[in-house]
Amino acid sequence: MRRTIVILVVGVLAAVMVGALRERTENRVDVPVAGTRSVVTFDVDTYDAVQPIGEAARALWYACNQTVANHLSALRIGDGGNGVATLSPAMGQHERRRLTGCLQDATIDRVRGEVVSIVDERA
């Protein structure tokens, strides 16, 4: 009887933990808000000088842009690896996390990005 209770408790705890993990890692869709846009300012660094910084910034942006459903309406990349991208409609909190995570997680070898700011505006 005691062994059955222990197995039951362990099973319930395992189910609760799996459910909590699933909830935290699920890819959620944000509800778009018409007439808005997000302006993303980011900076990119490379660990060597093999690839020009502007090309590295553009490549990283296009790789990470695939993580969000929003449409890119403008992209400017500066000579120093800094960039400004405008997405419409504005990103939700889940899309912000995915984009920020992608830019900062070294998606491309020897290239690392950092989100400086994300500002939502009316279009």
PDB file of N, CA and C in Angstrom:
ATOM      1  N   MET A   1       0.824  -1.200   0.000  1.00  0.00           N
ATOM      2  CA  MET A   1       0.000   0.000   0.000  1.00  0.00           C
ATOM      3  C   MET A   1       0.865   1.260   0.000  1.00  0.00           C
ATOM      4  N   ARG A   2       1.885   1.262   0.860  1.00  0.00           N
ATOM      5  CA  ARG A   2       2.766   2.427   0.962  1.00  0.00           C
ATOM      6  C   ARG A   2       3.532   2.649  -0.339  1.00  0.00           C
ATOM      7  N   ARG A   3       3.953   1.578  -0.954  1.00  0.00           N
ATOM      8  CA  ARG A   3       4.693   1.668  -2.208  1.00  0.00           C
ATOM      9  C   ARG A   3       3.801   2.258  -3.306  1.00  0.00           C
ATOM     10  N   THR A   4       2.544   1.889  -3.326  1.00  0.00           N
ATOM     11  CA  THR A   4       1.593   2.399  -4.300  1.00  0.00           C
ATOM     12  C   THR A   4       1.398   3.906  -4.131  1.00  0.00           C
ATOM     13  N   ILE A   5       1.315   4.357  -2.902  1.00  0.00           N
ATOM     14  CA  ILE A   5       1.156   5.789  -2.631  1.00  0.00           C
ATOM     15  C   ILE A   5       2.389   6.560  -3.090  1.00  0.00           C
ATOM     16  N   VAL A   6       3.575   6.024  -2.827  1.00  0.00           N
ATOM     17  CA  VAL A   6       4.821   6.684  -3.255  1.00  0.00           C
ATOM     18  C   VAL A   6       4.869   6.770  -4.779  1.00  0.00           C
ATOM     19  N   ILE A   7       4.522   5.694  -5.454  1.00  0.00           N
ATOM     20  CA  ILE A   7       4.534   5.696  -6.921  1.00  0.00           C
ATOM     21  C   ILE A   7       3.510   6.692  -7.455  1.00  0.00           C
ATOM     22  N   LEU A   8       2.351   6.740  -6.844  1.00  0.00           N
ATOM     23  CA  LEU A   8       1.315   7.685  -7.252  1.00  0.00           C
ATOM     24  C   LEU A   8       1.763   9.134  -7.063  1.00  0.00           C
ATOM     25  N   VAL A   9       2.377   9.445  -5.916  1.00  0.00           N
ATOM     26  CA  VAL A   9       2.859  10.801  -5.643  1.00  0.00           C
ATOM     27  C   VAL A   9       3.960  11.188  -6.629  1.00  0.00           C
ATOM     28  N   VAL A  10       4.895  10.274  -6.884  1.00  0.00           N
ATOM     29  CA  VAL A  10       5.976  10.555  -7.838  1.00  0.00           C
ATOM     30  C   VAL A  10       5.387  10.782  -9.233  1.00  0.00           C
ATOM     31  N   GLY A  11       4.399   9.996  -9.630  1.00  0.00           N
ATOM     32  CA  GLY A  11       3.758  10.169 -10.928  1.00  0.00           C
ATOM     33  C   GLY A  11       3.066  11.506 -11.060  1.00  0.00           C
ATOM     34  N   VAL A  12       2.353  11.913 -10.019  1.00  0.00           N
ATOM     35  CA  VAL A  12       1.662  13.207 -10.036  1.00  0.00           C
ATOM     36  C   VAL A  12       2.681  14.346 -10.099  1.00  0.00           C
ATOM     37  N   LEU A  13       3.739  14.263  -9.316  1.00  0.00           N
ATOM     38  CA  LEU A  13       4.775  15.305  -9.347  1.00  0.00           C
ATOM     39  C   LEU A  13       5.437  15.390 -10.718  1.00  0.00           C
ATOM     40  N   ALA A  14       5.717  14.248 -11.328  1.00  0.00           N
ATOM     41  CA  ALA A  14       6.321  14.235 -12.662  1.00  0.00           C
ATOM     42  C   ALA A  14       5.383  14.880 -13.676  1.00  0.00           C
ATOM     43  N   ALA A  15       4.092  14.577 -13.594  1.00  0.00           N
ATOM     44  CA  ALA A  15       3.125  15.166 -14.520  1.00  0.00           C
ATOM     45  C   ALA A  15       3.034  16.674 -14.344  1.00  0.00           C
ATOM     46  N   VAL A  16       3.040  17.139 -13.112  1.00  0.00           N
ATOM     47  CA  VAL A  16       2.995  18.580 -12.841  1.00  0.00           C
ATOM     48  C   VAL A  16       4.251  19.263 -13.375  1.00  0.00           C
ATOM     49  N   MET A  17       5.401  18.658 -13.192  1.00  0.00           N
ATOM     50  CA  MET A  17       6.662  19.251 -13.666  1.00  0.00           C
ATOM     51  C   MET A  17       6.707  19.304 -15.191  1.00  0.00           C
ATOM     52  N   VAL A  18       6.270  18.235 -15.854  1.00  0.00           N
ATOM     53  CA  VAL A  18       6.244  18.229 -17.321  1.00  0.00           C
ATOM     54  C   VAL A  18       5.270  19.294 -17.831  1.00  0.00           C
ATOM     55  N   GLY A  19       4.118  19.416 -17.196  1.00  0.00           N
ATOM     56  CA  GLY A  19       3.149  20.438 -17.586  1.00  0.00           C
ATOM     57  C   GLY A  19       3.697  21.842 -17.418  1.00  0.00           C
ATOM     58  N   ALA A  20       4.399  22.087 -16.315  1.00  0.00           N
ATOM     59  CA  ALA A  20       4.997  23.407 -16.075  1.00  0.00           C
ATOM     60  C   ALA A  20       6.086  23.707 -17.098  1.00  0.00           C
ATOM     61  N   LEU A  21       6.905  22.719 -17.427  1.00  0.00           N
ATOM     62  CA  LEU A  21       7.964  22.905 -18.423  1.00  0.00           C
ATOM     63  C   LEU A  21       7.357  23.173 -19.794  1.00  0.00           C
ATOM     64  N   ARG A  22       6.315  22.445 -20.141  1.00  0.00           N
ATOM     65  CA  ARG A  22       5.645  22.659 -21.427  1.00  0.00           C
ATOM     66  C   ARG A  22       5.078  24.075 -21.503  1.00  0.00           C
ATOM     67  N   GLU A  23       4.489  24.526 -20.416  1.00  0.00           N
ATOM     68  CA  GLU A  23       3.894  25.867 -20.363  1.00  0.00           C
ATOM     69  C   GLU A  23       4.954  26.951 -20.547  1.00  0.00           C
ATOM     70  N   ARG A  24       6.137  26.756 -19.966  1.00  0.00           N
ATOM     71  CA  ARG A  24       7.193  27.774 -20.042  1.00  0.00           C
ATOM     72  C   ARG A  24       7.900  27.796 -21.388  1.00  0.00           C
ATOM     73  N   THR A  25       7.898  26.677 -22.125  1.00  0.00           N
ATOM     74  CA  THR A  25       8.651  26.614 -23.376  1.00  0.00           C
ATOM     75  C   THR A  25       7.777  26.632 -24.616  1.00  0.00           C
ATOM     76  N   GLU A  26       6.477  26.720 -24.454  1.00  0.00           N
ATOM     77  CA  GLU A  26       5.567  26.715 -25.592  1.00  0.00           C
ATOM     78  C   GLU A  26       5.720  27.998 -26.408  1.00  0.00           C
ATOM     79  N   ASN A  27       5.724  27.836 -27.715  1.00  0.00           N
ATOM     80  CA  ASN A  27       5.817  28.972 -28.619  1.00  0.00           C
ATOM     81  C   ASN A  27       4.426  29.571 -28.778  1.00  0.00           C
ATOM     82  N   ARG A  28       4.214  30.732 -28.237  1.00  0.00           N
ATOM     83  CA  ARG A  28       2.891  31.360 -28.257  1.00  0.00           C
ATOM     84  C   ARG A  28       2.810  32.418 -29.356  1.00  0.00           C
ATOM     85  N   VAL A  29       1.617  32.579 -29.877  1.00  0.00           N
ATOM     86  CA  VAL A  29       1.353  33.574 -30.921  1.00  0.00           C
ATOM     87  C   VAL A  29       0.789  34.820 -30.251  1.00  0.00           C
ATOM     88  N   ASP A  30       1.340  35.970 -30.587  1.00  0.00           N
ATOM     89  CA  ASP A  30       0.831  37.239 -30.072  1.00  0.00           C
ATOM     90  C   ASP A  30      -0.268  37.761 -30.991  1.00  0.00           C
ATOM     91  N   VAL A  31      -1.230  38.433 -30.421  1.00  0.00           N
ATOM     92  CA  VAL A  31      -2.324  39.021 -31.191  1.00  0.00           C
ATOM     93  C   VAL A  31      -1.837  40.334 -31.801  1.00  0.00           C
ATOM     94  N   PRO A  32      -1.875  40.449 -33.137  1.00  0.00           N
ATOM     95  CA  PRO A  32      -1.408  41.687 -33.770  1.00  0.00           C
ATOM     96  C   PRO A  32      -2.354  42.859 -33.498  1.00  0.00           C
ATOM     97  N   VAL A  33      -1.765  44.045 -33.360  1.00  0.00           N
ATOM     98  CA  VAL A  33      -2.545  45.261 -33.155  1.00  0.00           C
ATOM     99  C   VAL A  33      -2.355  46.129 -34.399  1.00  0.00           C
ATOM    100  N   ALA A  34      -3.416  46.277 -35.171  1.00  0.00           N
ATOM    101  CA  ALA A  34      -3.342  47.042 -36.416  1.00  0.00           C
ATOM    102  C   ALA A  34      -2.980  48.495 -36.135  1.00  0.00           C
ATOM    103  N   GLY A  35      -2.235  49.078 -37.064  1.00  0.00           N
ATOM    104  CA  GLY A  35      -1.883  50.495 -36.945  1.00  0.00           C
ATOM    105  C   GLY A  35      -0.731  50.763 -35.998  1.00  0.00           C
ATOM    106  N   THR A  36       0.057  49.744 -35.669  1.00  0.00           N
ATOM    107  CA  THR A  36       1.209  49.927 -34.790  1.00  0.00           C
ATOM    108  C   THR A  36       2.460  49.377 -35.471  1.00  0.00           C
ATOM    109  N   ARG A  37       3.596  49.749 -34.908  1.00  0.00           N
ATOM    110  CA  ARG A  37       4.869  49.218 -35.402  1.00  0.00           C
ATOM    111  C   ARG A  37       5.864  49.190 -34.243  1.00  0.00           C
ATOM    112  N   SER A  38       6.854  48.337 -34.374  1.00  0.00           N
ATOM    113  CA  SER A  38       7.944  48.268 -33.402  1.00  0.00           C
ATOM    114  C   SER A  38       9.221  48.712 -34.095  1.00  0.00           C
ATOM    115  N   VAL A  39       9.968  49.569 -33.428  1.00  0.00           N
ATOM    116  CA  VAL A  39      11.268  50.001 -33.931  1.00  0.00           C
ATOM    117  C   VAL A  39      12.312  49.335 -33.046  1.00  0.00           C
ATOM    118  N   VAL A  40      13.092  48.439 -33.658  1.00  0.00           N
ATOM    119  CA  VAL A  40      14.094  47.653 -32.937  1.00  0.00           C
ATOM    120  C   VAL A  40      15.469  48.230 -33.241  1.00  0.00           C
ATOM    121  N   THR A  41      16.171  48.662 -32.203  1.00  0.00           N
ATOM    122  CA  THR A  41      17.536  49.141 -32.349  1.00  0.00           C
ATOM    123  C   THR A  41      18.438  48.055 -31.783  1.00  0.00           C
ATOM    124  N   PHE A  42      19.436  47.648 -32.576  1.00  0.00           N
ATOM    125  CA  PHE A  42      20.321  46.564 -32.148  1.00  0.00           C
ATOM    126  C   PHE A  42      21.755  46.854 -32.538  1.00  0.00           C
ATOM    127  N   ASP A  43      22.659  46.148 -31.906  1.00  0.00           N
ATOM    128  CA  ASP A  43      24.088  46.313 -32.163  1.00  0.00           C
ATOM    129  C   ASP A  43      24.677  44.931 -32.368  1.00  0.00           C
ATOM    130  N   VAL A  44      25.621  44.807 -33.287  1.00  0.00           N
ATOM    131  CA  VAL A  44      26.217  43.515 -33.608  1.00  0.00           C
ATOM    132  C   VAL A  44      27.733  43.624 -33.504  1.00  0.00           C
ATOM    133  N   ASP A  45      28.336  42.595 -32.923  1.00  0.00           N
ATOM    134  CA  ASP A  45      29.792  42.489 -32.837  1.00  0.00           C
ATOM    135  C   ASP A  45      30.227  41.180 -33.470  1.00  0.00           C
ATOM    136  N   THR A  46      31.442  41.168 -34.024  1.00  0.00           N
ATOM    137  CA  THR A  46      32.022  39.925 -34.528  1.00  0.00           C
ATOM    138  C   THR A  46      33.269  39.613 -33.722  1.00  0.00           C
ATOM    139  N   TYR A  47      33.595  38.340 -33.651  1.00  0.00           N
ATOM    140  CA  TYR A  47      34.765  37.914 -32.886  1.00  0.00           C
ATOM    141  C   TYR A  47      36.041  37.928 -33.706  1.00  0.00           C
ATOM    142  N   ASP A  48      35.936  38.185 -34.993  1.00  0.00           N
ATOM    143  CA  ASP A  48      37.116  38.344 -35.841  1.00  0.00           C
ATOM    144  C   ASP A  48      36.775  39.298 -36.968  1.00  0.00           C
ATOM    145  N   ALA A  49      37.748  39.683 -37.726  1.00  0.00           N
ATOM    146  CA  ALA A  49      37.530  40.685 -38.778  1.00  0.00           C
ATOM    147  C   ALA A  49      37.379  40.050 -40.159  1.00  0.00           C
ATOM    148  N   VAL A  50      37.076  38.752 -40.223  1.00  0.00           N
ATOM    149  CA  VAL A  50      36.948  38.076 -41.508  1.00  0.00           C
ATOM    150  C   VAL A  50      35.750  38.607 -42.298  1.00  0.00           C
ATOM    151  N   GLN A  51      34.633  38.759 -41.643  1.00  0.00           N
ATOM    152  CA  GLN A  51      33.419  39.237 -42.298  1.00  0.00           C
ATOM    153  C   GLN A  51      33.196  40.696 -41.931  1.00  0.00           C
ATOM    154  N   PRO A  52      32.945  41.565 -42.906  1.00  0.00           N
ATOM    155  CA  PRO A  52      32.648  42.964 -42.588  1.00  0.00           C
ATOM    156  C   PRO A  52      31.464  43.057 -41.635  1.00  0.00           C
ATOM    157  N   ILE A  53      31.536  43.969 -40.689  1.00  0.00           N
ATOM    158  CA  ILE A  53      30.531  44.079 -39.634  1.00  0.00           C
ATOM    159  C   ILE A  53      29.143  44.376 -40.196  1.00  0.00           C
ATOM    160  N   GLY A  54      29.063  45.163 -41.238  1.00  0.00           N
ATOM    161  CA  GLY A  54      27.761  45.475 -41.837  1.00  0.00           C
ATOM    162  C   GLY A  54      27.097  44.240 -42.417  1.00  0.00           C
ATOM    163  N   GLU A  55      27.876  43.410 -43.094  1.00  0.00           N
ATOM    164  CA  GLU A  55      27.337  42.170 -43.654  1.00  0.00           C
ATOM    165  C   GLU A  55      26.932  41.207 -42.539  1.00  0.00           C
ATOM    166  N   ALA A  56      27.737  41.148 -41.482  1.00  0.00           N
ATOM    167  CA  ALA A  56      27.413  40.272 -40.349  1.00  0.00           C
ATOM    168  C   ALA A  56      26.116  40.718 -39.688  1.00  0.00           C
ATOM    169  N   ALA A  57      25.938  42.023 -39.521  1.00  0.00           N
ATOM    170  CA  ALA A  57      24.719  42.556 -38.901  1.00  0.00           C
ATOM    171  C   ALA A  57      23.499  42.240 -39.760  1.00  0.00           C
ATOM    172  N   ARG A  58      23.626  42.408 -41.052  1.00  0.00           N
ATOM    173  CA  ARG A  58      22.509  42.123 -41.957  1.00  0.00           C
ATOM    174  C   ARG A  58      22.176  40.626 -41.948  1.00  0.00           C
ATOM    175  N   ALA A  59      23.186  39.773 -41.967  1.00  0.00           N
ATOM    176  CA  ALA A  59      22.959  38.324 -41.956  1.00  0.00           C
ATOM    177  C   ALA A  59      22.295  37.878 -40.659  1.00  0.00           C
ATOM    178  N   LEU A  60      22.762  38.421 -39.525  1.00  0.00           N
ATOM    179  CA  LEU A  60      22.165  38.059 -38.246  1.00  0.00           C
ATOM    180  C   LEU A  60      20.720  38.536 -38.180  1.00  0.00           C
ATOM    181  N   TRP A  61      20.465  39.748 -38.644  1.00  0.00           N
ATOM    182  CA  TRP A  61      19.091  40.243 -38.604  1.00  0.00           C
ATOM    183  C   TRP A  61      18.173  39.352 -39.428  1.00  0.00           C
ATOM    184  N   TYR A  62      18.570  39.012 -40.657  1.00  0.00           N
ATOM    185  CA  TYR A  62      17.692  38.214 -41.507  1.00  0.00           C
ATOM    186  C   TYR A  62      17.505  36.803 -40.953  1.00  0.00           C
ATOM    187  N   ALA A  63      18.497  36.256 -40.277  1.00  0.00           N
ATOM    188  CA  ALA A  63      18.330  34.950 -39.640  1.00  0.00           C
ATOM    189  C   ALA A  63      17.324  35.044 -38.492  1.00  0.00           C
ATOM    190  N   CYS A  64      17.411  36.085 -37.692  1.00  0.00           N
ATOM    191  CA  CYS A  64      16.537  36.219 -36.522  1.00  0.00           C
ATOM    192  C   CYS A  64      15.162  36.771 -36.871  1.00  0.00           C
ATOM    193  N   ASN A  65      15.046  37.483 -37.967  1.00  0.00           N
ATOM    194  CA  ASN A  65      13.759  38.021 -38.392  1.00  0.00           C
ATOM    195  C   ASN A  65      12.759  36.893 -38.652  1.00  0.00           C
ATOM    196  N   GLN A  66      13.265  35.693 -38.918  1.00  0.00           N
ATOM    197  CA  GLN A  66      12.386  34.555 -39.181  1.00  0.00           C
ATOM    198  C   GLN A  66      11.668  34.071 -37.924  1.00  0.00           C
ATOM    199  N   THR A  67      12.090  34.518 -36.737  1.00  0.00           N
ATOM    200  CA  THR A  67      11.474  34.072 -35.482  1.00  0.00           C
ATOM    201  C   THR A  67      10.204  34.840 -35.147  1.00  0.00           C
ATOM    202  N   VAL A  68       9.919  35.902 -35.883  1.00  0.00           N
ATOM    203  CA  VAL A  68       8.719  36.701 -35.607  1.00  0.00           C
ATOM    204  C   VAL A  68       7.829  36.737 -36.849  1.00  0.00           C
ATOM    205  N   ALA A  69       6.537  36.894 -36.625  1.00  0.00           N
ATOM    206  CA  ALA A  69       5.573  36.897 -37.731  1.00  0.00           C
ATOM    207  C   ALA A  69       5.390  38.281 -38.354  1.00  0.00           C
ATOM    208  N   ASN A  70       5.940  39.304 -37.721  1.00  0.00           N
ATOM    209  CA  ASN A  70       5.735  40.669 -38.187  1.00  0.00           C
ATOM    210  C   ASN A  70       6.482  40.921 -39.487  1.00  0.00           C
ATOM    211  N   HIS A  71       6.004  41.901 -40.248  1.00  0.00           N
ATOM    212  CA  HIS A  71       6.612  42.208 -41.533  1.00  0.00           C
ATOM    213  C   HIS A  71       7.639  43.325 -41.384  1.00  0.00           C
ATOM    214  N   LEU A  72       8.810  43.104 -41.952  1.00  0.00           N
ATOM    215  CA  LEU A  72       9.866  44.107 -41.938  1.00  0.00           C
ATOM    216  C   LEU A  72       9.518  45.189 -42.949  1.00  0.00           C
ATOM    217  N   SER A  73       9.403  46.437 -42.488  1.00  0.00           N
ATOM    218  CA  SER A  73       9.091  47.518 -43.420  1.00  0.00           C
ATOM    219  C   SER A  73      10.302  48.397 -43.698  1.00  0.00           C
ATOM    220  N   ALA A  74      11.319  48.383 -42.824  1.00  0.00           N
ATOM    221  CA  ALA A  74      12.529  49.162 -43.069  1.00  0.00           C
ATOM    222  C   ALA A  74      13.680  48.558 -42.264  1.00  0.00           C
ATOM    223  N   LEU A  75      14.880  48.584 -42.840  1.00  0.00           N
ATOM    224  CA  LEU A  75      16.083  48.111 -42.153  1.00  0.00           C
ATOM    225  C   LEU A  75      17.251  48.996 -42.559  1.00  0.00           C
ATOM    226  N   ARG A  76      17.912  49.577 -41.554  1.00  0.00           N
ATOM    227  CA  ARG A  76      19.115  50.381 -41.788  1.00  0.00           C
ATOM    228  C   ARG A  76      20.247  49.777 -40.957  1.00  0.00           C
ATOM    229  N   ILE A  77      21.362  49.483 -41.603  1.00  0.00           N
ATOM    230  CA  ILE A  77      22.535  48.951 -40.915  1.00  0.00           C
ATOM    231  C   ILE A  77      23.658  49.973 -41.054  1.00  0.00           C
ATOM    232  N   GLY A  78      24.211  50.414 -39.923  1.00  0.00           N
ATOM    233  CA  GLY A  78      25.314  51.365 -39.939  1.00  0.00           C
ATOM    234  C   GLY A  78      26.651  50.671 -40.133  1.00  0.00           C
ATOM    235  N   ASP A  79      27.694  51.456 -40.361  1.00  0.00           N
ATOM    236  CA  ASP A  79      29.034  50.914 -40.581  1.00  0.00           C
ATOM    237  C   ASP A  79      29.599  50.217 -39.346  1.00  0.00           C
ATOM    238  N   GLY A  80      29.169  50.634 -38.164  1.00  0.00           N
ATOM    239  CA  GLY A  80      29.695  50.062 -36.933  1.00  0.00           C
ATOM    240  C   GLY A  80      28.957  48.838 -36.438  1.00  0.00           C
ATOM    241  N   GLY A  81      28.034  48.305 -37.238  1.00  0.00           N
ATOM    242  CA  GLY A  81      27.294  47.128 -36.830  1.00  0.00           C
ATOM    243  C   GLY A  81      26.011  47.434 -36.087  1.00  0.00           C
ATOM    244  N   ASN A  82      25.684  48.721 -35.979  1.00  0.00           N
ATOM    245  CA  ASN A  82      24.416  49.066 -35.331  1.00  0.00           C
ATOM    246  C   ASN A  82      23.322  49.082 -36.386  1.00  0.00           C
ATOM    247  N   GLY A  83      22.108  48.728 -35.969  1.00  0.00           N
ATOM    248  CA  GLY A  83      21.022  48.661 -36.921  1.00  0.00           C
ATOM    249  C   GLY A  83      19.715  49.121 -36.321  1.00  0.00           C
ATOM    250  N   VAL A  84      18.817  49.529 -37.196  1.00  0.00           N
ATOM    251  CA  VAL A  84      17.465  49.913 -36.804  1.00  0.00           C
ATOM    252  C   VAL A  84      16.521  49.220 -37.777  1.00  0.00           C
ATOM    253  N   ALA A  85      15.589  48.445 -37.217  1.00  0.00           N
ATOM    254  CA  ALA A  85      14.607  47.747 -38.035  1.00  0.00           C
ATOM    255  C   ALA A  85      13.214  48.173 -37.593  1.00  0.00           C
ATOM    256  N   THR A  86      12.332  48.347 -38.549  1.00  0.00           N
ATOM    257  CA  THR A  86      10.947  48.695 -38.259  1.00  0.00           C
ATOM    258  C   THR A  86      10.068  47.544 -38.695  1.00  0.00           C
ATOM    259  N   LEU A  87       9.270  47.035 -37.753  1.00  0.00           N
ATOM    260  CA  LEU A  87       8.382  45.909 -38.008  1.00  0.00           C
ATOM    261  C   LEU A  87       6.943  46.344 -37.792  1.00  0.00           C
ATOM    262  N   SER A  88       6.039  45.856 -38.638  1.00  0.00           N
ATOM    263  CA  SER A  88       4.636  46.163 -38.412  1.00  0.00           C
ATOM    264  C   SER A  88       3.814  44.892 -38.618  1.00  0.00           C
ATOM    265  N   PRO A  89       2.812  44.699 -37.824  1.00  0.00           N
ATOM    266  CA  PRO A  89       2.407  45.475 -36.657  1.00  0.00           C
ATOM    267  C   PRO A  89       3.417  45.312 -35.521  1.00  0.00           C
ATOM    268  N   ALA A  90       3.180  46.014 -34.427  1.00  0.00           N
ATOM    269  CA  ALA A  90       4.092  45.967 -33.284  1.00  0.00           C
ATOM    270  C   ALA A  90       4.205  44.543 -32.743  1.00  0.00           C
ATOM    271  N   MET A  91       5.385  44.215 -32.235  1.00  0.00           N
ATOM    272  CA  MET A  91       5.617  42.888 -31.675  1.00  0.00           C
ATOM    273  C   MET A  91       4.969  42.762 -30.305  1.00  0.00           C
ATOM    274  N   GLY A  92       4.514  41.566 -29.998  1.00  0.00           N
ATOM    275  CA  GLY A  92       4.014  41.258 -28.670  1.00  0.00           C
ATOM    276  C   GLY A  92       5.162  40.785 -27.787  1.00  0.00           C
ATOM    277  N   GLN A  93       4.879  40.490 -26.537  1.00  0.00           N
ATOM    278  CA  GLN A  93       5.939  40.118 -25.595  1.00  0.00           C
ATOM    279  C   GLN A  93       6.624  38.814 -25.993  1.00  0.00           C
ATOM    280  N   HIS A  94       5.918  37.859 -26.573  1.00  0.00           N
ATOM    281  CA  HIS A  94       6.526  36.581 -26.943  1.00  0.00           C
ATOM    282  C   HIS A  94       7.469  36.763 -28.134  1.00  0.00           C
ATOM    283  N   GLU A  95       7.043  37.584 -29.099  1.00  0.00           N
ATOM    284  CA  GLU A  95       7.903  37.852 -30.254  1.00  0.00           C
ATOM    285  C   GLU A  95       9.145  38.631 -29.833  1.00  0.00           C
ATOM    286  N   ARG A  96       9.013  39.540 -28.896  1.00  0.00           N
ATOM    287  CA  ARG A  96      10.176  40.278 -28.374  1.00  0.00           C
ATOM    288  C   ARG A  96      11.194  39.322 -27.771  1.00  0.00           C
ATOM    289  N   ARG A  97      10.693  38.388 -26.974  1.00  0.00           N
ATOM    290  CA  ARG A  97      11.600  37.418 -26.336  1.00  0.00           C
ATOM    291  C   ARG A  97      12.305  36.560 -27.368  1.00  0.00           C
ATOM    292  N   ARG A  98      11.551  36.079 -28.372  1.00  0.00           N
ATOM    293  CA  ARG A  98      12.173  35.231 -29.392  1.00  0.00           C
ATOM    294  C   ARG A  98      13.229  35.996 -30.171  1.00  0.00           C
ATOM    295  N   LEU A  99      12.909  37.216 -30.585  1.00  0.00           N
ATOM    296  CA  LEU A  99      13.851  38.015 -31.360  1.00  0.00           C
ATOM    297  C   LEU A  99      15.082  38.362 -30.530  1.00  0.00           C
ATOM    298  N   THR A 100      14.884  38.815 -29.305  1.00  0.00           N
ATOM    299  CA  THR A 100      16.009  39.153 -28.426  1.00  0.00           C
ATOM    300  C   THR A 100      16.881  37.930 -28.178  1.00  0.00           C
ATOM    301  N   GLY A 101      16.263  36.811 -27.892  1.00  0.00           N
ATOM    302  CA  GLY A 101      17.016  35.585 -27.656  1.00  0.00           C
ATOM    303  C   GLY A 101      17.823  35.165 -28.866  1.00  0.00           C
ATOM    304  N   CYS A 102      17.231  35.261 -30.033  1.00  0.00           N
ATOM    305  CA  CYS A 102      17.932  34.884 -31.260  1.00  0.00           C
ATOM    306  C   CYS A 102      19.144  35.777 -31.504  1.00  0.00           C
ATOM    307  N   LEU A 103      18.959  37.091 -31.366  1.00  0.00           N
ATOM    308  CA  LEU A 103      20.073  38.011 -31.611  1.00  0.00           C
ATOM    309  C   LEU A 103      21.215  37.808 -30.616  1.00  0.00           C
ATOM    310  N   GLN A 104      20.897  37.464 -29.384  1.00  0.00           N
ATOM    311  CA  GLN A 104      21.923  37.361 -28.354  1.00  0.00           C
ATOM    312  C   GLN A 104      22.524  35.968 -28.230  1.00  0.00           C
ATOM    313  N   ASP A 105      21.957  34.975 -28.889  1.00  0.00           N
ATOM    314  CA  ASP A 105      22.416  33.593 -28.709  1.00  0.00           C
ATOM    315  C   ASP A 105      23.408  33.119 -29.755  1.00  0.00           C
ATOM    316  N   ALA A 106      24.099  34.006 -30.410  1.00  0.00           N
ATOM    317  CA  ALA A 106      25.124  33.628 -31.394  1.00  0.00           C
ATOM    318  C   ALA A 106      24.555  32.669 -32.436  1.00  0.00           C
ATOM    319  N   THR A 107      23.504  33.098 -33.097  1.00  0.00           N
ATOM    320  CA  THR A 107      22.850  32.298 -34.128  1.00  0.00           C
ATOM    321  C   THR A 107      23.804  32.013 -35.283  1.00  0.00           C
ATOM    322  N   ILE A 108      24.667  32.945 -35.576  1.00  0.00           N
ATOM    323  CA  ILE A 108      25.662  32.796 -36.633  1.00  0.00           C
ATOM    324  C   ILE A 108      27.035  32.748 -35.962  1.00  0.00           C
ATOM    325  N   ASP A 109      27.900  31.821 -36.409  1.00  0.00           N
ATOM    326  CA  ASP A 109      29.237  31.676 -35.827  1.00  0.00           C
ATOM    327  C   ASP A 109      29.992  32.998 -35.792  1.00  0.00           C
ATOM    328  N   ARG A 110      30.569  33.297 -34.660  1.00  0.00           N
ATOM    329  CA  ARG A 110      31.432  34.455 -34.439  1.00  0.00           C
ATOM    330  C   ARG A 110      30.715  35.798 -34.561  1.00  0.00           C
ATOM    331  N   VAL A 111      29.377  35.778 -34.524  1.00  0.00           N
ATOM    332  CA  VAL A 111      28.587  37.010 -34.595  1.00  0.00           C
ATOM    333  C   VAL A 111      27.631  37.019 -33.407  1.00  0.00           C
ATOM    334  N   ARG A 112      27.612  38.112 -32.679  1.00  0.00           N
ATOM    335  CA  ARG A 112      26.738  38.236 -31.513  1.00  0.00           C
ATOM    336  C   ARG A 112      26.021  39.575 -31.588  1.00  0.00           C
ATOM    337  N   GLY A 113      24.730  39.547 -31.326  1.00  0.00           N
ATOM    338  CA  GLY A 113      23.940  40.770 -31.358  1.00  0.00           C
ATOM    339  C   GLY A 113      23.411  41.113 -29.977  1.00  0.00           C
ATOM    340  N   GLU A 114      22.991  42.333 -29.861  1.00  0.00           N
ATOM    341  CA  GLU A 114      22.383  42.801 -28.616  1.00  0.00           C
ATOM    342  C   GLU A 114      21.277  43.787 -28.965  1.00  0.00           C
ATOM    343  N   VAL A 115      20.116  43.571 -28.382  1.00  0.00           N
ATOM    344  CA  VAL A 115      19.004  44.499 -28.586  1.00  0.00           C
ATOM    345  C   VAL A 115      19.220  45.690 -27.671  1.00  0.00           C
ATOM    346  N   VAL A 116      19.305  46.868 -28.247  1.00  0.00           N
ATOM    347  CA  VAL A 116      19.480  48.107 -27.466  1.00  0.00           C
ATOM    348  C   VAL A 116      18.131  48.587 -26.976  1.00  0.00           C
ATOM    349  N   SER A 117      17.140  48.585 -27.868  1.00  0.00           N
ATOM    350  CA  SER A 117      15.797  49.002 -27.450  1.00  0.00           C
ATOM    351  C   SER A 117      14.761  48.493 -28.452  1.00  0.00           C
ATOM    352  N   ILE A 118      13.545  48.368 -27.949  1.00  0.00           N
ATOM    353  CA  ILE A 118      12.378  48.078 -28.780  1.00  0.00           C
ATOM    354  C   ILE A 118      11.302  49.065 -28.362  1.00  0.00           C
ATOM    355  N   VAL A 119      10.910  49.921 -29.294  1.00  0.00           N
ATOM    356  CA  VAL A 119       9.934  50.970 -28.996  1.00  0.00           C
ATOM    357  C   VAL A 119       8.727  50.748 -29.912  1.00  0.00           C
ATOM    358  N   ASP A 120       7.557  50.698 -29.293  1.00  0.00           N
ATOM    359  CA  ASP A 120       6.305  50.574 -30.044  1.00  0.00           C
ATOM    360  C   ASP A 120       5.755  51.952 -30.352  1.00  0.00           C
ATOM    361  N   GLU A 121       5.255  52.110 -31.578  1.00  0.00           N
ATOM    362  CA  GLU A 121       4.716  53.388 -32.023  1.00  0.00           C
ATOM    363  C   GLU A 121       3.421  53.152 -32.785  1.00  0.00           C
ATOM    364  N   ARG A 122       2.640  54.215 -32.939  1.00  0.00           N
ATOM    365  CA  ARG A 122       1.492  54.198 -33.838  1.00  0.00           C
ATOM    366  C   ARG A 122       2.002  54.411 -35.249  1.00  0.00           C
ATOM    367  N   ALA A 123       1.495  53.657 -36.172  1.00  0.00           N
ATOM    368  CA  ALA A 123       1.982  53.752 -37.568  1.00  0.00           C
ATOM    369  C   ALA A 123       1.381  54.944 -38.273  1.00  0.00           C
TER     370      ALA A 123
END
